[in-house]
Amino acid sequence: MKKPFVAGNWKMNTDSRTSVDLADSLASGIVENYNATVAVFPPFVYLQAVRDALDGSSIAVGAQDVYFEPDGAFTGEISVSMLKEIGCNYCLCGHSERRHVIGETDKLINKKVIAAIGGGLLPVLCVGELLKEREASQTNEVVTRQLKEGLAGLSAEKLAAVIIAYEPVWAIGTGLTATPQQAQEVHDFIRKLLAQMYDDESASEIRILYGGSVKPSNAADLMGQKDVDGLLVGGASLKADDFLSIIRASV
């Protein structure tokens, strides 16, 4: 059985004090073995301080983004090796805000996924549809495109390093949440699509997270679904008590 994965995406929140305070609270709050993989994704400028605050705990640190080139004249970008050097284990690739606010393409996201794996980071590839796409019954079409293009060129062996996060864009920061049944339907579709793209074993082993207004009150119901292997948490991960409650509900 796959160990649940619970990730907290802090987005563009916290400051130098509150990021460390939050990390300290999480480290002290996990006092027993929850049998879950837990990671937090702070803003770039606080990654080192948060990593230091979590030293000795079981909580890993990830980056909210990464660039695919190893070095060079790429002003404002952060490389895989830079993230590895300060203790990052994971990175988000293709979060909906990067896609729909910043304008990242599937091709660019694919380069980031490949670079992350090549440099020893574990990428969390985010996929999901807009509200207008769901209303037009295009969810499966959108997810298929994002998965096939995002994973282009990856062998089954390299796929094993990837985590998939399904995040319906209409449920991110809106207070709306896909019902557990809606989440399960898309997760089941993703797993079957991966089986077609690779093989049954690869599809069964990969962890598929749900993200989209996850909170303590719905975490257990979401995690009770057969193909929901973890949660990508936004706003609720900024409150230690809420995030710890979600972790407890996930195991």
Protein backbone atom coordinates (compact mmCIF):
# COMPACT_ATOMS: atom_id res chain seq x y z
CA MET A 1 0.00 0.00 0.00
CA LYS A 2 1.31 3.43 -0.96
CA LYS A 3 2.14 5.80 1.87
CA PRO A 4 -0.13 8.88 1.67
CA PHE A 5 1.54 12.10 0.58
CA VAL A 6 0.38 15.40 2.09
CA ALA A 7 1.91 18.58 0.64
CA GLY A 8 1.44 22.15 1.82
CA ASN A 9 1.81 24.80 -0.87
CA TRP A 10 2.35 28.12 0.88
CA LYS A 11 2.25 30.06 -2.41
CA MET A 12 3.24 33.76 -2.04
CA ASN A 13 2.53 33.89 1.69
CA THR A 14 4.43 34.13 5.00
CA ASP A 15 7.47 36.24 5.82
CA SER A 16 10.86 35.50 7.37
CA ARG A 17 9.36 35.13 10.86
CA THR A 18 6.02 33.47 10.16
CA SER A 19 7.54 30.91 7.77
CA VAL A 20 9.90 29.67 10.49
CA ASP A 21 7.19 29.82 13.15
CA LEU A 22 4.92 27.70 10.96
CA ALA A 23 7.70 25.20 10.28
CA ASP A 24 8.48 24.97 14.00
CA SER A 25 4.82 24.35 14.83
CA LEU A 26 4.55 21.61 12.24
CA ALA A 27 7.77 19.93 13.36
CA SER A 28 6.65 19.89 16.98
CA GLY A 29 3.10 18.85 16.05
CA ILE A 30 4.13 15.64 14.34
CA VAL A 31 5.07 13.75 17.47
CA GLU A 32 3.98 10.32 16.31
CA ASN A 33 4.38 8.28 13.18
CA TYR A 34 1.42 9.21 10.98
CA ASN A 35 2.69 6.89 8.24
CA ALA A 36 2.45 9.71 5.72
CA THR A 37 5.00 11.54 3.63
CA VAL A 38 4.70 15.24 4.45
CA ALA A 39 6.29 18.14 2.59
CA VAL A 40 5.93 21.91 2.59
CA PHE A 41 6.55 24.24 -0.33
CA PRO A 42 7.54 27.71 0.97
CA PRO A 43 8.42 30.75 -1.16
CA PHE A 44 11.94 30.56 -2.61
CA VAL A 45 13.41 33.18 -0.26
CA TYR A 46 12.42 31.20 2.85
CA LEU A 47 13.38 27.72 1.68
CA GLN A 48 16.70 27.63 3.53
CA ALA A 49 15.29 28.97 6.80
CA VAL A 50 12.35 26.55 6.69
CA ARG A 51 14.66 23.64 5.87
CA ASP A 52 16.79 24.55 8.89
CA ALA A 53 13.72 24.83 11.13
CA LEU A 54 12.58 21.38 10.04
CA ASP A 55 15.99 19.78 10.54
CA GLY A 56 15.58 16.56 12.48
CA SER A 57 11.89 16.24 11.63
CA SER A 58 10.32 13.94 9.05
CA ILE A 59 8.91 16.87 7.04
CA ALA A 60 10.51 17.44 3.65
CA VAL A 61 10.85 20.70 1.75
CA GLY A 62 9.94 21.39 -1.85
CA ALA A 63 10.04 24.34 -4.22
CA GLN A 64 7.01 25.89 -5.87
CA ASP A 65 8.74 26.03 -9.25
CA VAL A 66 12.04 25.27 -10.96
CA TYR A 67 13.78 26.14 -14.23
CA PHE A 68 14.98 23.52 -16.68
CA GLU A 69 18.42 24.95 -17.52
CA PRO A 70 21.32 24.08 -15.18
CA ASP A 71 22.78 27.60 -15.11
CA GLY A 72 23.30 30.69 -17.27
CA ALA A 73 21.77 34.04 -18.11
CA PHE A 74 18.23 33.32 -16.92
CA THR A 75 17.43 36.25 -14.67
CA GLY A 76 15.05 35.42 -11.85
CA GLU A 77 15.11 31.67 -12.37
CA ILE A 78 16.20 28.92 -9.94
CA SER A 79 17.92 25.72 -11.05
CA VAL A 80 17.53 22.16 -9.84
CA SER A 81 21.05 22.10 -8.40
CA MET A 82 20.42 25.29 -6.42
CA LEU A 83 17.34 23.71 -4.86
CA LYS A 84 19.13 20.44 -4.15
CA GLU A 85 22.00 22.29 -2.49
CA ILE A 86 19.74 23.83 0.14
CA GLY A 87 17.96 20.58 0.89
CA CYS A 88 14.90 20.45 -1.36
CA ASN A 89 13.49 17.05 -2.21
CA TYR A 90 10.48 18.02 -4.34
CA CYS A 91 9.29 20.68 -6.75
CA LEU A 92 5.91 21.60 -8.18
CA CYS A 93 5.69 21.60 -11.97
CA GLY A 94 2.75 23.10 -13.82
CA HIS A 95 0.70 24.35 -10.89
CA SER A 96 -2.49 25.91 -12.26
CA GLU A 97 -1.37 29.40 -11.23
CA ARG A 98 1.83 28.93 -13.22
CA ARG A 99 -0.24 27.76 -16.18
CA HIS A 100 -3.11 30.24 -16.11
CA VAL A 101 -1.62 33.32 -14.40
CA ILE A 102 2.01 33.15 -15.55
CA GLY A 103 1.25 31.49 -18.89
CA GLU A 104 3.41 28.37 -18.77
CA THR A 105 2.86 25.87 -21.58
CA ASP A 106 2.76 22.08 -21.46
CA LYS A 107 6.03 22.01 -23.40
CA LEU A 108 7.80 24.21 -20.84
CA ILE A 109 6.37 22.20 -17.95
CA ASN A 110 7.63 18.98 -19.57
CA LYS A 111 11.16 20.42 -19.69
CA LYS A 112 10.93 21.22 -15.98
CA VAL A 113 9.75 17.70 -15.13
CA ILE A 114 12.62 16.16 -17.11
CA ALA A 115 15.19 18.52 -15.58
CA ALA A 116 13.92 17.87 -12.05
CA ILE A 117 14.22 14.10 -12.41
CA GLY A 118 17.62 14.41 -14.07
CA GLY A 119 18.91 16.49 -11.19
CA GLY A 120 17.47 14.38 -8.39
CA LEU A 121 14.32 16.27 -7.48
CA LEU A 122 10.93 14.56 -7.34
CA PRO A 123 8.47 16.55 -9.46
CA VAL A 124 4.81 16.98 -8.56
CA LEU A 125 3.13 17.43 -11.95
CA CYS A 126 -0.12 19.36 -11.55
CA VAL A 127 -3.02 18.90 -13.96
CA GLY A 128 -6.60 20.07 -13.96
CA GLU A 129 -9.38 21.83 -15.81
CA LEU A 130 -10.92 25.30 -15.71
CA LEU A 131 -14.57 25.73 -14.76
CA LYS A 132 -15.57 26.44 -18.36
CA GLU A 133 -13.79 23.25 -19.44
CA ARG A 134 -15.61 21.14 -16.83
CA GLU A 135 -18.94 22.70 -17.82
CA ALA A 136 -18.16 21.82 -21.44
CA SER A 137 -17.41 18.19 -20.42
CA GLN A 138 -13.76 18.64 -21.42
CA THR A 139 -12.16 17.50 -18.15
CA ASN A 140 -10.79 14.23 -19.53
CA GLU A 141 -9.59 15.90 -22.72
CA VAL A 142 -7.70 18.60 -20.79
CA VAL A 143 -6.16 16.15 -18.32
CA THR A 144 -5.13 13.82 -21.15
CA ARG A 145 -3.32 16.62 -22.97
CA GLN A 146 -1.58 17.88 -19.84
CA LEU A 147 -0.45 14.39 -18.83
CA LYS A 148 0.73 13.26 -22.25
CA GLU A 149 2.61 16.47 -22.96
CA GLY A 150 3.85 16.90 -19.41
CA LEU A 151 5.28 13.37 -19.31
CA ALA A 152 6.55 13.32 -22.91
CA GLY A 153 9.87 11.52 -23.25
CA LEU A 154 9.74 9.86 -19.83
CA SER A 155 10.31 6.14 -19.54
CA ALA A 156 8.40 4.01 -17.06
CA GLU A 157 11.51 3.99 -14.89
CA LYS A 158 11.59 7.79 -14.74
CA LEU A 159 7.83 7.98 -14.27
CA ALA A 160 8.39 6.31 -10.90
CA ALA A 161 9.93 9.59 -9.67
CA VAL A 162 6.80 11.59 -10.54
CA ILE A 163 3.84 12.45 -8.34
CA ILE A 164 0.65 13.59 -10.08
CA ALA A 165 -1.62 16.21 -8.50
CA TYR A 166 -5.13 16.67 -9.86
CA GLU A 167 -6.27 20.18 -9.02
CA PRO A 168 -9.51 21.33 -10.63
CA VAL A 169 -8.80 25.02 -11.21
CA TRP A 170 -12.36 25.97 -10.33
CA ALA A 171 -11.84 24.59 -6.82
CA ILE A 172 -8.57 26.37 -5.97
CA GLY A 173 -8.97 29.19 -3.48
CA THR A 174 -12.66 29.50 -4.31
CA GLY A 175 -14.10 27.59 -1.38
CA LEU A 176 -15.51 25.12 -3.90
CA THR A 177 -14.26 21.56 -3.68
CA ALA A 178 -14.74 18.65 -5.99
CA THR A 179 -16.90 16.09 -4.25
CA PRO A 180 -15.08 12.93 -3.23
CA GLN A 181 -16.88 11.19 -6.08
CA GLN A 182 -15.78 13.81 -8.62
CA ALA A 183 -12.20 13.53 -7.40
CA GLN A 184 -12.30 9.73 -7.60
CA GLU A 185 -13.69 9.81 -11.14
CA VAL A 186 -10.80 11.93 -12.41
CA HIS A 187 -8.17 10.07 -10.39
CA ASP A 188 -9.48 6.78 -11.79
CA PHE A 189 -9.33 8.25 -15.29
CA ILE A 190 -5.74 9.42 -14.71
CA ARG A 191 -4.63 6.00 -13.46
CA LYS A 192 -6.22 4.21 -16.41
CA LEU A 193 -4.66 6.70 -18.82
CA LEU A 194 -1.22 6.12 -17.27
CA ALA A 195 -1.74 2.37 -17.65
CA GLN A 196 -2.36 2.95 -21.36
CA MET A 197 0.67 5.23 -21.66
CA TYR A 198 2.98 2.95 -19.66
CA ASP A 199 1.77 -0.24 -17.95
CA ASP A 200 -0.52 -1.39 -15.16
CA GLU A 201 2.26 -1.66 -12.58
CA SER A 202 3.52 1.88 -13.17
CA ALA A 203 -0.02 3.24 -13.01
CA SER A 204 -0.82 1.42 -9.78
CA GLU A 205 2.38 2.56 -8.05
CA ILE A 206 2.24 6.28 -8.89
CA ARG A 207 0.74 8.56 -6.25
CA ILE A 208 -2.09 10.82 -7.41
CA LEU A 209 -2.90 13.72 -5.08
CA TYR A 210 -6.04 15.83 -4.95
CA GLY A 211 -5.71 19.60 -4.59
CA GLY A 212 -8.44 22.21 -4.43
CA SER A 213 -9.77 23.84 -1.24
CA VAL A 214 -8.71 20.90 0.92
CA LYS A 215 -9.49 21.48 4.60
CA PRO A 216 -9.79 19.43 7.80
CA SER A 217 -13.51 18.91 7.27
CA ASN A 218 -13.18 17.19 3.87
CA ALA A 219 -9.72 15.58 4.03
CA ALA A 220 -10.87 12.20 5.35
CA ASP A 221 -13.67 11.87 2.80
CA LEU A 222 -11.30 12.71 -0.05
CA MET A 223 -8.66 10.30 1.23
CA GLY A 224 -11.30 7.60 1.55
CA GLN A 225 -11.49 7.35 -2.23
CA LYS A 226 -9.73 4.39 -3.83
CA ASP A 227 -7.48 6.37 -6.15
CA VAL A 228 -6.76 9.43 -3.98
CA ASP A 229 -3.25 8.84 -2.61
CA GLY A 230 -2.69 12.18 -0.95
CA LEU A 231 -3.53 15.85 -0.82
CA LEU A 232 -2.04 19.09 -2.14
CA VAL A 233 -3.14 21.70 0.37
CA GLY A 234 -3.19 25.45 -0.19
CA GLY A 235 -4.63 27.92 2.29
CA ALA A 236 -5.17 25.37 5.05
CA SER A 237 -1.44 24.57 5.07
CA LEU A 238 -0.75 28.09 6.38
CA LYS A 239 -2.37 27.22 9.72
CA ALA A 240 -0.44 24.61 11.66
CA ASP A 241 -3.48 23.19 13.45
CA ASP A 242 -5.43 22.82 10.20
CA PHE A 243 -2.55 21.25 8.32
CA LEU A 244 -1.82 18.82 11.14
CA SER A 245 -5.49 17.85 11.23
CA ILE A 246 -5.38 17.16 7.49
CA ILE A 247 -2.28 15.00 7.93
CA ARG A 248 -3.99 13.00 10.67
CA ALA A 249 -7.08 12.56 8.50
CA SER A 250 -4.96 11.23 5.63
CA VAL A 251 -3.68 8.07 7.27
